[in-house]
Amino acid sequence: MYDGADTVVLYEELAYQDVLPLLWRPLPGTVDQAVAASFTDRNVRLLHACAAVEEHTGGDKPDDDSPELQRLDFKINLLLDLVGQLLVANRPRPTAVPIRFNALGAMWRAAPPLPEAGTQGVAEIYLRDCFAEPLRLIGRITNVTPDGQVKARFLPVGETVEDLIEKLTFRRHRRQIAESRHRGAL
């Protein structure tokens, strides 16, 4: 039985954890409201697209899919993988790093030069290879350790983006629980 010991938390909230391409871009001065609104609009579209893609990657499918649906699902996944490979080849991504994030903030392992605590910037998180755009979250670096552990706190992302990030995180957590139970049953 799943005991919750592997639950990933950040800022006392459930968090998404993976190894993903990430780039921290420092922002000078105050955040322009038009830029922040643009990030919000793009983030909403990206998170909706991510949810739609996850419906086709086997995350929440019933076990009784017909062979025709399974073949179609396989072809869609293959197409998404190929598109992702083309995007990555033509538009290189930042280095993938271990990251944990939610709507409140993020924590990741960075390579030098390390950002300084107090620096304001944008965390660009590439959720999937098949998406050209990253999730862009404005925040401030709250802590940096000498070994490269960076922690940031995000500015409020808005109710819609917060809800979509929570759903993304919950779906991943639910899949991890199901995989844990399946491994335990073997």
Protein backbone atom coordinates (compact mmCIF):
# COMPACT_ATOMS: atom_id res chain seq x y z
CA MET A 1 0.00 0.00 0.00
CA TYR A 2 1.21 3.52 -0.81
CA ASP A 3 2.30 5.35 2.33
CA GLY A 4 2.97 8.81 0.87
CA ALA A 5 6.66 8.67 1.79
CA ASP A 6 7.65 9.76 -1.71
CA THR A 7 5.33 12.77 -1.82
CA VAL A 8 7.21 15.76 -3.26
CA VAL A 9 6.57 19.03 -1.43
CA LEU A 10 7.83 22.58 -1.86
CA TYR A 11 6.65 25.56 0.22
CA GLU A 12 4.31 23.14 2.03
CA GLU A 13 2.44 22.33 -1.22
CA LEU A 14 2.54 19.32 -3.53
CA ALA A 15 5.27 19.84 -6.12
CA TYR A 16 6.17 18.55 -9.57
CA GLN A 17 9.61 16.92 -9.66
CA ASP A 18 11.56 15.87 -12.74
CA VAL A 19 14.75 16.47 -14.70
CA LEU A 20 13.84 19.21 -17.17
CA PRO A 21 15.59 21.87 -19.24
CA LEU A 22 15.59 25.05 -17.16
CA LEU A 23 16.98 28.51 -17.61
CA TRP A 24 16.96 31.35 -15.05
CA ARG A 25 16.96 34.75 -16.76
CA PRO A 26 17.63 37.74 -14.48
CA LEU A 27 15.23 40.67 -14.90
CA PRO A 28 16.40 44.23 -14.30
CA GLY A 29 14.18 46.60 -12.37
CA THR A 30 10.47 46.16 -11.94
CA VAL A 31 8.38 43.68 -13.88
CA ASP A 32 6.43 45.24 -16.73
CA GLN A 33 2.73 44.36 -16.34
CA ALA A 34 2.31 43.80 -20.09
CA VAL A 35 5.16 41.25 -20.04
CA ALA A 36 3.68 39.52 -17.00
CA ALA A 37 0.25 39.36 -18.69
CA SER A 38 1.87 37.92 -21.83
CA PHE A 39 3.60 35.23 -19.74
CA THR A 40 0.27 34.38 -18.08
CA ASP A 41 -1.51 33.99 -21.44
CA ARG A 42 1.27 31.79 -22.83
CA ASN A 43 1.45 29.73 -19.64
CA VAL A 44 -2.30 29.05 -19.77
CA ARG A 45 -2.04 27.84 -23.39
CA LEU A 46 1.04 25.73 -22.61
CA LEU A 47 -0.50 24.09 -19.54
CA HIS A 48 -3.74 23.33 -21.44
CA ALA A 49 -1.66 21.78 -24.24
CA CYS A 50 0.31 19.77 -21.69
CA ALA A 51 -2.92 18.42 -20.20
CA ALA A 52 -4.18 17.47 -23.68
CA VAL A 53 -0.93 15.69 -24.55
CA GLU A 54 -0.94 13.79 -21.26
CA GLU A 55 -4.37 12.42 -22.18
CA HIS A 56 -2.66 10.70 -25.12
CA THR A 57 0.48 9.43 -23.40
CA GLY A 58 -1.01 6.66 -21.33
CA GLY A 59 -1.27 8.54 -18.07
CA ASP A 60 -4.98 8.20 -17.42
CA LYS A 61 -6.23 5.66 -19.97
CA PRO A 62 -8.59 2.90 -19.02
CA ASP A 63 -7.12 -0.60 -19.33
CA ASP A 64 -9.90 -1.74 -21.65
CA ASP A 65 -8.91 0.34 -24.70
CA SER A 66 -9.56 -1.44 -27.96
CA PRO A 67 -6.54 -2.51 -30.06
CA GLU A 68 -7.46 0.20 -32.61
CA LEU A 69 -7.36 2.92 -29.95
CA GLN A 70 -4.07 1.57 -28.60
CA ARG A 71 -2.52 1.70 -32.10
CA LEU A 72 -3.81 5.25 -32.62
CA ASP A 73 -2.47 6.28 -29.22
CA PHE A 74 0.92 4.75 -30.09
CA LYS A 75 1.01 6.67 -33.38
CA ILE A 76 0.12 9.95 -31.66
CA ASN A 77 2.88 9.40 -29.10
CA LEU A 78 5.36 8.58 -31.87
CA LEU A 79 4.39 11.74 -33.74
CA LEU A 80 4.78 13.85 -30.58
CA ASP A 81 8.22 12.33 -29.94
CA LEU A 82 9.32 13.06 -33.52
CA VAL A 83 8.08 16.66 -33.32
CA GLY A 84 9.94 17.03 -30.02
CA GLN A 85 13.16 15.72 -31.54
CA LEU A 86 12.85 18.17 -34.45
CA LEU A 87 12.22 21.08 -32.10
CA VAL A 88 15.17 20.20 -29.88
CA ALA A 89 17.46 19.73 -32.89
CA ASN A 90 16.47 23.08 -34.41
CA ARG A 91 16.06 25.05 -31.21
CA PRO A 92 18.53 23.86 -28.56
CA ARG A 93 17.29 23.78 -25.01
CA PRO A 94 19.04 24.69 -21.80
CA THR A 95 20.62 21.85 -19.86
CA ALA A 96 18.17 19.56 -18.10
CA VAL A 97 18.53 19.73 -14.31
CA PRO A 98 16.75 18.15 -11.36
CA ILE A 99 13.91 20.53 -10.51
CA ARG A 100 11.00 20.64 -8.10
CA PHE A 101 8.35 23.32 -8.66
CA ASN A 102 4.77 24.36 -8.03
CA ALA A 103 2.85 27.63 -8.41
CA LEU A 104 4.64 29.08 -5.38
CA GLY A 105 8.26 28.51 -6.33
CA ALA A 106 11.00 26.21 -7.54
CA MET A 107 14.15 24.51 -6.36
CA TRP A 108 16.82 23.21 -8.72
CA ARG A 109 20.47 22.30 -9.01
CA ALA A 110 22.39 24.93 -11.02
CA ALA A 111 25.85 25.02 -12.50
CA PRO A 112 28.13 28.04 -12.08
CA PRO A 113 27.77 30.92 -12.47
CA LEU A 114 25.11 30.69 -9.78
CA PRO A 115 22.43 33.37 -9.44
CA GLU A 116 22.62 35.58 -6.38
CA ALA A 117 20.03 35.53 -3.60
CA GLY A 118 17.63 38.45 -4.05
CA THR A 119 17.94 38.44 -7.84
CA GLN A 120 14.63 38.87 -9.64
CA GLY A 121 14.13 36.92 -12.84
CA VAL A 122 12.17 34.42 -14.90
CA ALA A 123 12.39 30.65 -14.55
CA GLU A 124 11.90 29.10 -17.99
CA ILE A 125 10.91 25.45 -17.56
CA TYR A 126 10.57 23.26 -20.67
CA LEU A 127 7.89 20.74 -19.69
CA ARG A 128 7.98 18.61 -22.86
CA ASP A 129 10.20 18.34 -25.92
CA CYS A 130 7.17 18.68 -28.23
CA PHE A 131 6.48 22.25 -27.01
CA ALA A 132 8.51 25.11 -28.42
CA GLU A 133 7.71 27.43 -25.52
CA PRO A 134 8.69 27.01 -21.88
CA LEU A 135 6.60 27.69 -18.81
CA ARG A 136 7.73 31.17 -17.73
CA LEU A 137 7.38 32.07 -14.05
CA ILE A 138 8.58 35.39 -12.60
CA GLY A 139 10.17 35.25 -9.18
CA ARG A 140 13.05 36.04 -6.89
CA ILE A 141 15.94 33.85 -5.80
CA THR A 142 15.56 33.24 -2.06
CA ASN A 143 18.50 30.94 -1.38
CA VAL A 144 21.63 29.64 -3.11
CA THR A 145 23.93 27.07 -1.52
CA PRO A 146 27.62 26.72 -2.42
CA ASP A 147 26.92 23.30 -3.97
CA GLY A 148 24.47 24.87 -6.48
CA GLN A 149 21.07 24.29 -4.87
CA VAL A 150 18.90 27.25 -5.91
CA LYS A 151 15.50 28.12 -4.45
CA ALA A 152 13.14 30.73 -5.88
CA ARG A 153 9.79 32.12 -4.80
CA PHE A 154 7.42 33.08 -7.63
CA LEU A 155 5.26 36.15 -7.82
CA PRO A 156 1.55 35.25 -7.75
CA VAL A 157 0.85 33.48 -11.06
CA GLY A 158 -2.89 34.10 -11.13
CA GLU A 159 -5.72 31.75 -10.30
CA THR A 160 -5.91 30.04 -13.71
CA VAL A 161 -2.18 29.29 -13.99
CA GLU A 162 -2.06 28.22 -10.34
CA ASP A 163 -4.96 25.82 -10.89
CA LEU A 164 -3.39 24.35 -14.04
CA ILE A 165 0.00 23.85 -12.34
CA GLU A 166 -1.76 22.16 -9.40
CA LYS A 167 -3.58 19.82 -11.81
CA LEU A 168 -0.34 19.02 -13.66
CA THR A 169 1.35 18.27 -10.34
CA PHE A 170 -1.53 16.17 -9.07
CA ARG A 171 -1.68 14.08 -12.27
CA ARG A 172 2.03 13.36 -11.98
CA HIS A 173 1.70 12.49 -8.28
CA ARG A 174 -1.23 10.18 -9.02
CA ARG A 175 0.78 8.38 -11.75
CA GLN A 176 3.71 7.93 -9.35
CA ILE A 177 1.38 6.40 -6.75
CA ALA A 178 -0.10 4.04 -9.36
CA GLU A 179 3.39 3.01 -10.54
CA SER A 180 4.49 2.45 -6.94
CA ARG A 181 1.47 0.25 -6.27
CA HIS A 182 2.02 -1.65 -9.51
CA ARG A 183 5.70 -2.32 -8.64
CA GLY A 184 4.65 -3.41 -5.15
CA ALA A 185 2.14 -5.87 -6.60
CA LEU A 186 4.77 -7.59 -8.77
